[in-house]
Amino acid sequence: MNHIKTAMLLAALTAIFVAMGALIGGTGGMLIAFIFALGMNFYTYWNSDKMVLRMYGARQVDERTAPDYYNLVRELARRAELPMPAVYIMESAQPNAFATGRNPQNAAVCASTGLLQAMSREEIAGVMAHELAHIKNYDTLTMTIAAAIGGAVSMLAQYMQFGAMFGGGNREGGGGIMGIVGTLMAIIVAPLAAMLVQMAISRSREYVADRMGGEICGQPLWLASALGKIENYAHRIPNEEAEAVPATASLFIINPLQGWGMDNLFSTHPNTGNRIAALEQQASRMGGGSAPRYADDSRQGYAEDNGGPWSQQRQGSQQRQAGRSGNSGPWG
C-alpha cells in the first residue's frame, strides 16, 4: 500500500506540473511540461543522491578520515541488514541529517558537523538508524523526486506570476476573466497542492522511520532524545542551503527551515512532540527503561545508558579520543 500511495502522490505532482505547463503554453506547453516531468523523474531516479549531496557541499568520509562516525554507520547497517551506504558530512552548525539514493545498493547518509559535535554517540546512533530506515523503505527515492518536482512547480509559479505582471497568460486565447482566474489559480493553488503532496509523502513516513530506527539501534529513547535536541537547535541555528531550496526540507530528520513566512503552514514533518511520544511508547513496549534527558546542549554527557548495543563501545571510544589531538571533534 505504501508503494501504491507513493505512486499516486508522485503522479499527482506530475499532473500539477503538466497542468501549469498547459496554462502557460496551452497544448504545446502541456506536452513540453509532460516530457520535462518524465525527464526530470528519470534524471532524479539515477542522480538524486549526487544532486542533493552536491547541493549541500557534503564531503565523503571513510574509516580513515572519520573512524567513529563511519564505524557507527557500518554497525547500524549490519543490524539493519543493509549494504554499507556511502557516508558524508556536511558543513552546517545546525544539527541535522538526511539520507538519499535510489535504492539500498546506491544510498548515502549525511550528518551535519553540528550533529556530530552536539549529540552523544547514542543519539547519533538513533539519528543514523532513522536514516537507514528510510533507505530500507525506499523513502529516499520518493522524497527526492517529490522535492525535485515540487521545486519545479514553485519555479513555474514564479514564472507565471512574472508573466501575469506584464499581461501574460494562456497563449491560445485564454485571455479575459477566465485567463486571469486560471493564472491566479496556478500562482496560488498549484504550489499549495505541491506542498500538500510533499507533506503527505514525508509525514506518513517519518513515524515509520522512527519506529524502525528505534528497532535498528535497539533503543528508541536515543532517537527521542536526539529529536528533542535537534528541534531546539533548528529554531536557533539556520541552515542556509535548506533555506535557499526549501523543497529539500522533507529529506531531513527534522525540518531544517526556521519557520519564517509560510514555512510553518507547510511543515514537511509531523510534530516533534508527537514523534517523541510515539518513541517513548515504543521504548516502554520494548522495556527500554526511563526517558533520556532533553537538555538543549548534550556536550556535557551522554544520554542515559539503557543497556543497548552501544554502551559497551563507549569506554573504548572515549579512550581512543583521549589520545587524539586537533580540533576535528570526536567524530572526525
Protein backbone atom coordinates (compact mmCIF):
# COMPACT_ATOMS: atom_id res chain seq x y z
CA MET A 1 0.00 0.00 0.00
CA ASN A 2 2.88 2.38 0.71
CA HIS A 3 4.25 1.89 -2.81
CA ILE A 4 0.79 2.43 -4.33
CA LYS A 5 0.31 5.58 -2.27
CA THR A 6 3.73 6.86 -3.30
CA ALA A 7 2.99 6.26 -6.99
CA MET A 8 -0.31 8.12 -6.69
CA LEU A 9 1.30 11.07 -4.92
CA LEU A 10 4.09 11.34 -7.47
CA ALA A 11 1.52 11.12 -10.27
CA ALA A 12 -0.36 13.99 -8.62
CA LEU A 13 2.79 16.11 -8.53
CA THR A 14 3.44 15.37 -12.20
CA ALA A 15 -0.16 16.25 -13.07
CA ILE A 16 0.17 19.60 -11.29
CA PHE A 17 3.34 20.30 -13.23
CA VAL A 18 1.69 19.39 -16.55
CA ALA A 19 -1.42 21.49 -15.78
CA MET A 20 0.74 24.52 -15.13
CA GLY A 21 2.50 23.92 -18.42
CA ALA A 22 -0.89 23.93 -20.15
CA LEU A 23 -1.82 27.23 -18.53
CA ILE A 24 1.45 28.77 -19.67
CA GLY A 25 1.54 27.43 -23.22
CA GLY A 26 -1.70 25.63 -24.00
CA THR A 27 -1.50 22.17 -25.55
CA GLY A 28 2.10 22.67 -26.57
CA GLY A 29 3.05 23.79 -23.08
CA MET A 30 1.30 20.78 -21.59
CA LEU A 31 3.22 18.40 -23.83
CA ILE A 32 6.53 20.12 -23.07
CA ALA A 33 5.81 20.04 -19.34
CA PHE A 34 4.89 16.35 -19.52
CA ILE A 35 8.09 15.45 -21.37
CA PHE A 36 10.10 17.61 -18.98
CA ALA A 37 8.44 15.94 -15.96
CA LEU A 38 9.25 12.48 -17.31
CA GLY A 39 12.83 13.51 -17.97
CA MET A 40 13.13 15.05 -14.53
CA ASN A 41 11.79 11.86 -12.92
CA PHE A 42 14.27 9.77 -14.91
CA TYR A 43 17.20 12.05 -14.10
CA THR A 44 16.43 12.25 -10.40
CA TYR A 45 15.99 8.47 -10.26
CA TRP A 46 19.60 7.95 -11.32
CA ASN A 47 21.20 11.05 -9.83
CA SER A 48 19.15 12.02 -6.76
CA ASP A 49 21.96 11.28 -4.31
CA LYS A 50 24.56 13.27 -6.27
CA MET A 51 22.18 16.21 -6.72
CA VAL A 52 21.36 16.59 -3.04
CA LEU A 53 24.87 15.93 -1.74
CA ARG A 54 26.32 18.46 -4.18
CA MET A 55 23.65 20.98 -3.20
CA TYR A 56 24.78 20.80 0.43
CA GLY A 57 28.50 20.66 -0.30
CA ALA A 58 28.81 17.33 1.50
CA ARG A 59 32.16 15.54 1.62
CA GLN A 60 32.52 11.79 1.71
CA VAL A 61 34.37 10.25 4.66
CA ASP A 62 35.68 6.79 5.38
CA GLU A 63 37.20 4.71 8.15
CA ARG A 64 40.40 6.72 7.99
CA THR A 65 39.01 10.26 7.95
CA ALA A 66 36.06 9.78 10.39
CA PRO A 67 36.52 6.37 12.03
CA ASP A 68 33.97 6.59 14.86
CA TYR A 69 31.19 8.02 12.71
CA TYR A 70 31.90 5.63 9.84
CA ASN A 71 32.11 2.56 12.06
CA LEU A 72 28.89 3.54 13.82
CA VAL A 73 27.06 3.68 10.49
CA ARG A 74 28.61 0.37 9.46
CA GLU A 75 27.41 -1.37 12.62
CA LEU A 76 23.92 0.09 12.21
CA ALA A 77 23.79 -1.00 8.58
CA ARG A 78 24.77 -4.50 9.68
CA ARG A 79 21.98 -4.53 12.26
CA ALA A 80 19.52 -3.26 9.64
CA GLU A 81 20.70 -5.93 7.16
CA LEU A 82 21.57 -3.25 4.61
CA PRO A 83 24.57 -2.77 2.32
CA MET A 84 27.05 -0.24 3.66
CA PRO A 85 25.93 3.20 2.41
CA ALA A 86 28.30 5.97 1.41
CA VAL A 87 28.94 8.21 4.43
CA TYR A 88 29.05 12.00 4.17
CA ILE A 89 29.46 15.07 6.37
CA MET A 90 28.08 18.50 5.50
CA GLU A 91 29.37 21.72 6.99
CA SER A 92 26.45 23.15 8.93
CA ALA A 93 26.21 24.33 12.51
CA GLN A 94 22.58 23.18 12.65
CA PRO A 95 22.40 19.59 13.94
CA ASN A 96 20.58 17.58 11.28
CA ALA A 97 20.93 14.62 8.95
CA PHE A 98 19.42 13.09 5.85
CA ALA A 99 19.67 10.03 3.61
CA THR A 100 19.45 9.89 -0.16
CA GLY A 101 19.81 7.42 -3.02
CA ARG A 102 17.58 5.43 -5.34
CA ASN A 103 17.90 2.09 -3.53
CA PRO A 104 19.82 0.44 -0.66
CA GLN A 105 22.64 -0.51 -3.05
CA ASN A 106 23.14 3.13 -4.09
CA ALA A 107 22.44 5.05 -0.91
CA ALA A 108 24.19 7.64 1.21
CA VAL A 109 23.74 9.06 4.70
CA CYS A 110 24.87 12.53 5.64
CA ALA A 111 25.23 14.16 9.05
CA SER A 112 25.98 17.81 9.70
CA THR A 113 29.04 18.87 11.64
CA GLY A 114 26.64 20.39 14.14
CA LEU A 115 25.01 17.00 14.76
CA LEU A 116 28.34 15.25 15.27
CA GLN A 117 29.53 17.92 17.68
CA ALA A 118 26.34 18.40 19.71
CA MET A 119 24.98 14.87 20.09
CA SER A 120 26.12 11.87 22.08
CA ARG A 121 27.14 8.63 20.43
CA GLU A 122 23.80 7.06 21.38
CA GLU A 123 21.82 9.95 19.97
CA ILE A 124 23.79 9.88 16.72
CA ALA A 125 23.12 6.13 16.57
CA GLY A 126 19.39 6.87 16.85
CA VAL A 127 19.53 9.51 14.11
CA MET A 128 21.53 7.33 11.72
CA ALA A 129 19.25 4.36 12.41
CA HIS A 130 16.30 6.55 11.41
CA GLU A 131 18.04 7.47 8.15
CA LEU A 132 18.87 3.84 7.43
CA ALA A 133 15.18 3.02 7.95
CA HIS A 134 14.34 5.50 5.18
CA ILE A 135 16.83 3.69 2.93
CA LYS A 136 15.39 0.29 3.82
CA ASN A 137 11.87 1.52 2.97
CA TYR A 138 12.99 3.19 -0.30
CA ASP A 139 11.74 6.52 1.08
CA THR A 140 14.84 8.37 -0.11
CA LEU A 141 13.95 7.96 -3.78
CA THR A 142 10.35 9.04 -3.25
CA MET A 143 11.15 12.16 -1.23
CA THR A 144 13.96 13.29 -3.54
CA ILE A 145 11.80 13.04 -6.66
CA ALA A 146 8.93 14.79 -4.87
CA ALA A 147 11.28 17.54 -3.76
CA ALA A 148 12.59 17.99 -7.30
CA ILE A 149 9.13 18.21 -8.88
CA GLY A 150 7.82 20.38 -6.05
CA GLY A 151 10.70 22.78 -6.60
CA ALA A 152 9.98 22.86 -10.33
CA VAL A 153 6.29 23.63 -9.69
CA SER A 154 7.28 26.55 -7.46
CA MET A 155 9.65 27.78 -10.16
CA LEU A 156 6.91 27.66 -12.79
CA ALA A 157 4.52 29.50 -10.48
CA GLN A 158 7.05 32.28 -10.09
CA TYR A 159 7.45 32.43 -13.87
CA MET A 160 3.68 32.67 -14.33
CA GLN A 161 3.44 35.39 -11.72
CA PHE A 162 6.12 37.36 -13.56
CA GLY A 163 4.31 36.82 -16.87
CA ALA A 164 0.97 37.91 -15.42
CA MET A 165 2.50 41.21 -14.29
CA PHE A 166 3.27 42.00 -17.94
CA GLY A 167 0.00 40.76 -19.44
CA GLY A 168 0.99 37.11 -19.95
CA GLY A 169 -1.31 34.15 -19.73
CA ASN A 170 -2.52 31.32 -21.86
CA ARG A 171 -1.27 31.90 -25.40
CA GLU A 172 -4.17 30.03 -27.05
CA GLY A 173 -6.85 32.58 -26.41
CA GLY A 174 -7.11 32.23 -22.70
CA GLY A 175 -7.43 35.98 -22.18
CA GLY A 176 -10.19 37.78 -20.34
CA ILE A 177 -11.52 36.91 -16.96
CA MET A 178 -11.02 33.12 -17.34
CA GLY A 179 -7.41 33.61 -18.30
CA ILE A 180 -6.85 35.82 -15.26
CA VAL A 181 -8.58 33.29 -12.98
CA GLY A 182 -6.54 30.44 -14.44
CA THR A 183 -3.29 32.31 -13.91
CA LEU A 184 -4.22 33.19 -10.33
CA MET A 185 -5.15 29.56 -9.65
CA ALA A 186 -1.79 28.44 -10.99
CA ILE A 187 0.09 31.03 -8.94
CA ILE A 188 -1.71 30.24 -5.67
CA VAL A 189 -3.19 26.76 -5.81
CA ALA A 190 -0.53 24.78 -7.67
CA PRO A 191 2.34 25.50 -5.24
CA LEU A 192 -0.06 24.85 -2.36
CA ALA A 193 -1.05 21.49 -3.84
CA ALA A 194 2.58 20.56 -4.44
CA MET A 195 3.44 21.35 -0.82
CA LEU A 196 0.47 19.35 0.45
CA VAL A 197 1.55 16.33 -1.57
CA GLN A 198 5.10 16.63 -0.25
CA MET A 199 3.71 16.76 3.29
CA ALA A 200 1.68 13.62 2.69
CA ILE A 201 4.76 11.80 1.45
CA SER A 202 7.01 12.90 4.29
CA ARG A 203 4.72 12.95 7.32
CA SER A 204 3.31 9.48 6.74
CA ARG A 205 6.80 8.04 6.53
CA GLU A 206 8.57 9.76 9.42
CA TYR A 207 6.66 7.77 12.04
CA VAL A 208 7.53 4.52 10.27
CA ALA A 209 11.20 5.50 10.05
CA ASP A 210 11.20 6.48 13.74
CA ARG A 211 9.79 3.10 14.75
CA MET A 212 12.19 1.16 12.53
CA GLY A 213 15.09 3.34 13.63
CA GLY A 214 14.33 2.53 17.26
CA GLU A 215 14.38 -1.15 16.40
CA ILE A 216 17.65 -0.87 14.46
CA CYS A 217 19.60 0.95 17.17
CA GLY A 218 17.91 -1.04 19.94
CA GLN A 219 16.85 1.99 21.99
CA PRO A 220 14.00 4.25 20.76
CA LEU A 221 14.77 6.71 23.56
CA TRP A 222 18.11 7.58 21.99
CA LEU A 223 16.30 8.79 18.88
CA ALA A 224 13.67 10.54 21.03
CA SER A 225 16.42 12.43 22.87
CA ALA A 226 18.08 13.43 19.59
CA LEU A 227 14.81 14.66 18.07
CA GLY A 228 14.13 16.93 21.05
CA LYS A 229 17.59 18.47 20.89
CA ILE A 230 17.67 18.87 17.12
CA GLU A 231 14.28 20.61 17.23
CA ASN A 232 15.63 23.11 19.77
CA TYR A 233 18.76 23.80 17.74
CA ALA A 234 16.88 24.09 14.42
CA HIS A 235 14.86 27.03 15.73
CA ARG A 236 18.04 28.89 16.69
CA ILE A 237 20.60 27.94 14.04
CA PRO A 238 19.77 28.49 10.34
CA ASN A 239 20.62 26.07 7.56
CA GLU A 240 21.35 28.48 4.72
CA GLU A 241 21.34 25.84 1.97
CA ALA A 242 17.96 24.49 3.05
CA GLU A 243 16.50 28.00 3.28
CA ALA A 244 17.62 28.60 -0.32
CA VAL A 245 15.98 25.36 -1.56
CA PRO A 246 13.07 24.69 0.83
CA ALA A 247 11.75 21.84 -1.36
CA THR A 248 14.54 19.67 0.09
CA ALA A 249 13.34 20.12 3.68
CA SER A 250 11.45 16.81 3.60
CA LEU A 251 14.74 14.91 3.33
CA PHE A 252 15.95 15.90 6.80
CA ILE A 253 15.16 14.13 10.06
CA ILE A 254 13.84 17.46 11.47
CA ASN A 255 12.54 20.32 9.35
CA PRO A 256 15.65 22.49 8.80
CA LEU A 257 13.65 25.63 7.97
CA GLN A 258 13.30 28.24 10.67
CA GLY A 259 9.61 28.91 10.14
CA TRP A 260 9.75 32.35 8.57
CA GLY A 261 6.83 33.41 6.41
CA MET A 262 4.74 30.48 5.23
CA ASP A 263 7.13 27.73 6.37
CA ASN A 264 5.13 26.84 9.48
CA LEU A 265 1.97 26.32 7.41
CA PHE A 266 3.66 23.79 5.18
CA SER A 267 5.90 21.82 7.50
CA THR A 268 7.13 18.64 5.86
CA HIS A 269 7.42 16.82 9.19
CA PRO A 270 4.96 15.73 11.86
CA ASN A 271 5.01 17.40 15.23
CA THR A 272 8.24 16.53 17.04
CA GLY A 273 6.47 16.13 20.37
CA ASN A 274 4.17 13.52 18.85
CA ARG A 275 7.14 11.67 17.40
CA ILE A 276 8.89 11.65 20.78
CA ALA A 277 5.72 10.39 22.47
CA ALA A 278 5.45 7.54 19.97
CA LEU A 279 9.09 6.58 20.55
CA GLU A 280 8.60 6.63 24.32
CA GLN A 281 5.63 4.29 23.92
CA GLN A 282 7.75 2.03 21.73
CA ALA A 283 10.54 2.03 24.32
CA SER A 284 8.05 1.10 27.02
CA ARG A 285 6.87 -1.87 24.96
CA MET A 286 10.49 -2.89 24.37
CA GLY A 287 11.39 -2.47 28.06
CA GLY A 288 13.76 0.42 27.27
CA GLY A 289 13.91 1.97 30.72
CA SER A 290 13.43 5.58 31.74
CA ALA A 291 13.29 8.53 29.39
CA PRO A 292 16.55 10.30 28.43
CA ARG A 293 17.39 13.90 29.17
CA TYR A 294 16.19 16.53 26.69
CA ALA A 295 18.71 19.24 27.51
CA ASP A 296 19.47 21.82 24.83
CA ASP A 297 23.18 21.05 24.93
CA SER A 298 24.38 17.45 25.19
CA ARG A 299 28.10 18.19 25.13
CA GLN A 300 28.31 17.65 28.88
CA GLY A 301 27.36 13.98 28.71
CA TYR A 302 25.68 11.10 27.00
CA ALA A 303 22.04 10.20 27.03
CA GLU A 304 21.16 7.72 29.73
CA ASP A 305 22.62 4.27 29.28
CA ASN A 306 19.78 1.80 28.92
CA GLY A 307 21.98 -1.20 28.24
CA GLY A 308 21.72 -1.06 24.45
CA PRO A 309 24.24 -2.38 21.93
CA TRP A 310 26.42 0.74 22.07
CA SER A 311 27.01 1.11 25.80
CA GLN A 312 29.91 -1.33 25.78
CA GLN A 313 31.62 0.59 22.98
CA ARG A 314 31.59 3.94 24.77
CA GLN A 315 34.59 3.42 27.02
CA GLY A 316 36.82 2.25 24.16
CA SER A 317 35.71 5.20 22.04
CA GLN A 318 36.50 7.67 24.81
CA GLN A 319 39.92 6.11 25.35
CA ARG A 320 40.69 6.47 21.64
CA GLN A 321 39.64 10.10 21.70
CA ALA A 322 41.87 10.80 24.71
CA GLY A 323 44.92 10.00 22.60
CA ARG A 324 43.94 12.26 19.71
CA SER A 325 44.89 15.84 19.07
CA GLY A 326 43.40 18.51 16.86
CA ASN A 327 40.03 20.24 16.72
CA SER A 328 38.15 17.95 14.35
CA GLY A 329 35.78 16.76 17.08
CA PRO A 330 35.10 13.24 18.32
CA TRP A 331 33.60 12.08 15.00
CA GLY A 332 36.30 13.22 12.58
